[in-house]
């Protein structure tokens, strides 16, 4: 059994939670993406489940995203300027 309240997992308390839906073999797979708001390069992708339609996957993903987020209103956001992206 894994240890609960692992100090290394404290960063998950300050994360922005997003979801990703992708199709594979006529199934729609849902993944939750946890992005650290202090270090946007620190990311965790957790596969959640698969569904027969895109709409069911989207409903489940939104519900899980709100449940997993520390702040379900979505006020914790990653600073988009933290990523050094060159558009050239």
N, C-alpha and C. Protein backbone atom coordinates (compact mmCIF):
# COMPACT_ATOMS: atom_id res chain seq x y z
N UNK A 1 0.84 -1.17 0.00
CA UNK A 1 0.00 0.00 0.00
C UNK A 1 0.89 1.24 0.00
N UNK A 2 0.53 2.22 -0.83
CA UNK A 2 1.34 3.44 -0.89
C UNK A 2 1.08 4.33 0.31
N UNK A 3 2.07 5.09 0.64
CA UNK A 3 2.00 5.98 1.78
C UNK A 3 1.17 7.21 1.45
N UNK A 4 0.23 7.56 2.29
CA UNK A 4 -0.57 8.77 2.08
C UNK A 4 0.16 9.96 2.67
N UNK A 5 -0.19 11.15 2.20
CA UNK A 5 0.40 12.39 2.66
C UNK A 5 1.91 12.42 2.46
N UNK A 6 2.33 11.98 1.30
CA UNK A 6 3.74 11.99 0.95
C UNK A 6 4.19 13.45 0.77
N UNK A 7 5.25 13.88 1.46
CA UNK A 7 5.70 15.27 1.34
C UNK A 7 6.07 15.67 -0.09
N UNK A 8 6.48 14.70 -0.91
CA UNK A 8 6.83 15.00 -2.29
C UNK A 8 5.61 15.38 -3.13
N UNK A 9 4.42 15.04 -2.67
CA UNK A 9 3.19 15.32 -3.41
C UNK A 9 2.50 16.60 -2.96
N UNK A 10 3.15 17.40 -2.13
CA UNK A 10 2.55 18.64 -1.66
C UNK A 10 2.28 19.64 -2.78
N UNK A 11 3.07 19.56 -3.85
CA UNK A 11 2.91 20.50 -4.95
C UNK A 11 1.53 20.33 -5.61
N UNK A 12 0.89 19.18 -5.43
CA UNK A 12 -0.43 18.96 -6.03
C UNK A 12 -1.51 19.84 -5.41
N UNK A 13 -1.23 20.42 -4.24
CA UNK A 13 -2.20 21.31 -3.63
C UNK A 13 -2.30 22.64 -4.37
N UNK A 14 -1.24 23.06 -5.04
CA UNK A 14 -1.24 24.31 -5.79
C UNK A 14 -1.08 24.02 -7.27
N UNK A 15 -2.12 23.43 -7.85
CA UNK A 15 -2.06 23.10 -9.27
C UNK A 15 -3.30 23.60 -10.00
N UNK A 16 -3.11 23.83 -11.27
CA UNK A 16 -4.24 24.08 -12.16
C UNK A 16 -4.57 22.73 -12.80
N UNK A 17 -5.83 22.36 -12.77
CA UNK A 17 -6.25 21.06 -13.31
C UNK A 17 -6.94 21.28 -14.65
N UNK A 18 -6.48 20.55 -15.66
CA UNK A 18 -7.09 20.59 -16.98
C UNK A 18 -7.39 19.16 -17.40
N UNK A 19 -8.13 19.02 -18.48
CA UNK A 19 -8.40 17.67 -18.97
C UNK A 19 -8.04 17.57 -20.44
N UNK A 20 -7.81 16.34 -20.87
CA UNK A 20 -7.50 16.04 -22.27
C UNK A 20 -8.34 14.85 -22.68
N UNK A 21 -8.97 14.97 -23.85
CA UNK A 21 -9.77 13.87 -24.39
C UNK A 21 -9.18 13.50 -25.74
N UNK A 22 -8.91 12.23 -25.93
CA UNK A 22 -8.37 11.78 -27.21
C UNK A 22 -9.03 10.46 -27.61
N UNK A 23 -9.18 10.29 -28.93
CA UNK A 23 -9.82 9.10 -29.46
C UNK A 23 -8.77 8.06 -29.84
N UNK A 24 -9.06 6.82 -29.47
CA UNK A 24 -8.19 5.71 -29.83
C UNK A 24 -9.06 4.45 -29.93
N UNK A 25 -9.06 3.82 -31.08
CA UNK A 25 -9.82 2.59 -31.31
C UNK A 25 -11.31 2.74 -30.97
N UNK A 26 -11.91 3.81 -31.46
CA UNK A 26 -13.34 4.10 -31.28
C UNK A 26 -13.74 4.30 -29.81
N UNK A 27 -12.80 4.60 -28.96
CA UNK A 27 -13.07 4.93 -27.56
C UNK A 27 -12.48 6.31 -27.29
N UNK A 28 -13.09 7.03 -26.37
CA UNK A 28 -12.62 8.37 -26.00
C UNK A 28 -11.97 8.28 -24.63
N UNK A 29 -10.68 8.56 -24.56
CA UNK A 29 -9.90 8.44 -23.33
C UNK A 29 -9.76 9.80 -22.66
N UNK A 30 -9.98 9.83 -21.36
CA UNK A 30 -9.91 11.05 -20.56
C UNK A 30 -8.68 11.01 -19.68
N UNK A 31 -7.92 12.11 -19.69
CA UNK A 31 -6.76 12.26 -18.81
C UNK A 31 -6.88 13.59 -18.09
N UNK A 32 -6.49 13.61 -16.83
CA UNK A 32 -6.40 14.86 -16.08
C UNK A 32 -4.96 15.31 -16.08
N UNK A 33 -4.76 16.61 -16.27
CA UNK A 33 -3.42 17.19 -16.31
C UNK A 33 -3.29 18.16 -15.15
N UNK A 34 -2.34 17.90 -14.28
CA UNK A 34 -2.07 18.76 -13.13
C UNK A 34 -0.81 19.57 -13.43
N UNK A 35 -0.94 20.92 -13.44
CA UNK A 35 0.18 21.80 -13.73
C UNK A 35 0.45 22.65 -12.50
N UNK A 36 1.68 22.58 -12.00
CA UNK A 36 2.08 23.35 -10.82
C UNK A 36 2.06 24.84 -11.17
N UNK A 37 1.36 25.65 -10.35
CA UNK A 37 1.27 27.08 -10.67
C UNK A 37 2.57 27.82 -10.36
N UNK A 38 3.44 27.24 -9.53
CA UNK A 38 4.71 27.88 -9.21
C UNK A 38 5.82 27.49 -10.19
N UNK A 39 5.75 26.28 -10.71
CA UNK A 39 6.72 25.78 -11.70
C UNK A 39 5.95 25.07 -12.81
N UNK A 40 5.58 25.80 -13.88
CA UNK A 40 4.74 25.21 -14.94
C UNK A 40 5.37 24.03 -15.67
N UNK A 41 6.65 23.79 -15.49
CA UNK A 41 7.28 22.64 -16.11
C UNK A 41 7.07 21.36 -15.30
N UNK A 42 6.49 21.50 -14.13
CA UNK A 42 6.18 20.36 -13.26
C UNK A 42 4.75 19.93 -13.56
N UNK A 43 4.60 18.82 -14.28
CA UNK A 43 3.30 18.38 -14.78
C UNK A 43 3.08 16.91 -14.43
N UNK A 44 1.84 16.58 -14.12
CA UNK A 44 1.44 15.19 -13.89
C UNK A 44 0.23 14.91 -14.76
N UNK A 45 0.30 13.85 -15.57
CA UNK A 45 -0.83 13.43 -16.40
C UNK A 45 -1.34 12.11 -15.83
N UNK A 46 -2.62 12.11 -15.46
CA UNK A 46 -3.23 10.94 -14.86
C UNK A 46 -4.37 10.46 -15.75
N UNK A 47 -4.27 9.25 -16.28
CA UNK A 47 -5.35 8.69 -17.09
C UNK A 47 -6.50 8.30 -16.18
N UNK A 48 -7.71 8.68 -16.58
CA UNK A 48 -8.87 8.49 -15.72
C UNK A 48 -9.78 7.38 -16.21
N UNK A 49 -10.15 7.40 -17.49
CA UNK A 49 -11.07 6.38 -17.97
C UNK A 49 -11.30 6.51 -19.46
N UNK A 50 -12.17 5.64 -19.99
CA UNK A 50 -12.50 5.70 -21.42
C UNK A 50 -14.01 5.53 -21.58
N UNK A 51 -14.55 6.16 -22.64
CA UNK A 51 -15.99 6.20 -22.86
C UNK A 51 -16.31 5.97 -24.32
N UNK A 52 -17.58 5.63 -24.60
CA UNK A 52 -17.99 5.29 -25.96
C UNK A 52 -18.30 6.49 -26.82
N UNK A 53 -18.55 7.66 -26.21
CA UNK A 53 -18.83 8.86 -27.00
C UNK A 53 -18.03 10.04 -26.46
N UNK A 54 -17.82 11.00 -27.34
CA UNK A 54 -17.07 12.19 -26.95
C UNK A 54 -17.83 12.98 -25.89
N UNK A 55 -19.14 13.07 -26.01
CA UNK A 55 -19.95 13.84 -25.06
C UNK A 55 -19.87 13.23 -23.66
N UNK A 56 -19.97 11.91 -23.55
CA UNK A 56 -19.84 11.27 -22.23
C UNK A 56 -18.47 11.51 -21.64
N UNK A 57 -17.45 11.43 -22.47
CA UNK A 57 -16.09 11.67 -21.99
C UNK A 57 -15.94 13.11 -21.51
N UNK A 58 -16.54 14.05 -22.22
CA UNK A 58 -16.45 15.45 -21.84
C UNK A 58 -17.17 15.73 -20.52
N UNK A 59 -18.34 15.15 -20.35
CA UNK A 59 -19.09 15.31 -19.09
C UNK A 59 -18.27 14.75 -17.92
N UNK A 60 -17.73 13.57 -18.10
CA UNK A 60 -16.93 12.95 -17.04
C UNK A 60 -15.67 13.76 -16.76
N UNK A 61 -15.02 14.26 -17.81
CA UNK A 61 -13.78 15.02 -17.64
C UNK A 61 -14.03 16.31 -16.88
N UNK A 62 -15.09 17.02 -17.20
CA UNK A 62 -15.39 18.28 -16.50
C UNK A 62 -15.72 18.01 -15.04
N UNK A 63 -16.48 16.96 -14.78
CA UNK A 63 -16.81 16.60 -13.41
C UNK A 63 -15.56 16.23 -12.61
N UNK A 64 -14.70 15.40 -13.19
CA UNK A 64 -13.47 14.99 -12.50
C UNK A 64 -12.53 16.17 -12.30
N UNK A 65 -12.47 17.08 -13.28
CA UNK A 65 -11.61 18.24 -13.17
C UNK A 65 -12.05 19.11 -11.99
N UNK A 66 -13.34 19.35 -11.86
CA UNK A 66 -13.84 20.16 -10.75
C UNK A 66 -13.67 19.45 -9.41
N UNK A 67 -13.78 18.13 -9.40
CA UNK A 67 -13.60 17.37 -8.17
C UNK A 67 -12.15 17.35 -7.73
N UNK A 68 -11.23 17.22 -8.69
CA UNK A 68 -9.81 17.09 -8.36
C UNK A 68 -9.16 18.42 -8.01
N UNK A 69 -9.73 19.51 -8.49
CA UNK A 69 -9.11 20.82 -8.25
C UNK A 69 -9.29 21.25 -6.80
N UNK A 70 -8.26 21.85 -6.26
CA UNK A 70 -8.34 22.39 -4.90
C UNK A 70 -9.36 23.52 -4.86
N UNK A 71 -9.38 24.30 -5.94
CA UNK A 71 -10.29 25.43 -6.06
C UNK A 71 -11.20 25.19 -7.26
N UNK A 72 -12.40 24.65 -7.06
CA UNK A 72 -13.26 24.28 -8.19
C UNK A 72 -13.73 25.47 -9.03
N UNK A 73 -13.60 26.69 -8.50
CA UNK A 73 -13.99 27.86 -9.30
C UNK A 73 -13.00 28.12 -10.42
N UNK A 74 -11.81 27.56 -10.32
CA UNK A 74 -10.82 27.71 -11.38
C UNK A 74 -10.02 28.99 -11.30
N UNK A 75 -9.84 29.52 -10.10
CA UNK A 75 -9.10 30.77 -9.98
C UNK A 75 -7.59 30.56 -9.97
N UNK A 76 -7.13 29.34 -9.72
CA UNK A 76 -5.69 29.08 -9.77
C UNK A 76 -5.31 28.82 -11.22
N UNK A 77 -4.52 29.72 -11.77
CA UNK A 77 -4.12 29.61 -13.17
C UNK A 77 -2.60 29.71 -13.28
N UNK A 78 -2.08 29.04 -14.29
CA UNK A 78 -0.65 29.10 -14.58
C UNK A 78 -0.39 30.37 -15.38
N UNK A 79 0.69 31.05 -15.03
CA UNK A 79 1.08 32.24 -15.77
C UNK A 79 1.57 31.82 -17.16
N UNK A 80 0.88 32.27 -18.20
CA UNK A 80 1.23 31.86 -19.57
C UNK A 80 2.60 32.38 -19.99
N UNK A 81 3.09 33.43 -19.36
CA UNK A 81 4.40 33.97 -19.67
C UNK A 81 5.53 33.12 -19.08
N UNK A 82 5.19 32.16 -18.23
CA UNK A 82 6.21 31.29 -17.63
C UNK A 82 6.85 30.37 -18.66
N UNK A 83 6.11 30.09 -19.72
CA UNK A 83 6.66 29.27 -20.79
C UNK A 83 7.38 30.16 -21.77
N UNK A 84 8.61 29.83 -22.08
CA UNK A 84 9.40 30.63 -23.01
C UNK A 84 9.17 30.11 -24.42
N UNK A 85 8.13 30.64 -25.08
CA UNK A 85 7.75 30.17 -26.42
C UNK A 85 8.11 31.23 -27.43
N UNK A 86 8.84 30.81 -28.46
CA UNK A 86 9.23 31.71 -29.55
C UNK A 86 8.34 31.39 -30.75
N UNK A 87 7.56 32.36 -31.20
CA UNK A 87 6.62 32.14 -32.30
C UNK A 87 7.24 32.32 -33.67
N UNK A 88 8.56 32.43 -33.77
CA UNK A 88 9.18 32.60 -35.08
C UNK A 88 9.27 31.33 -35.85
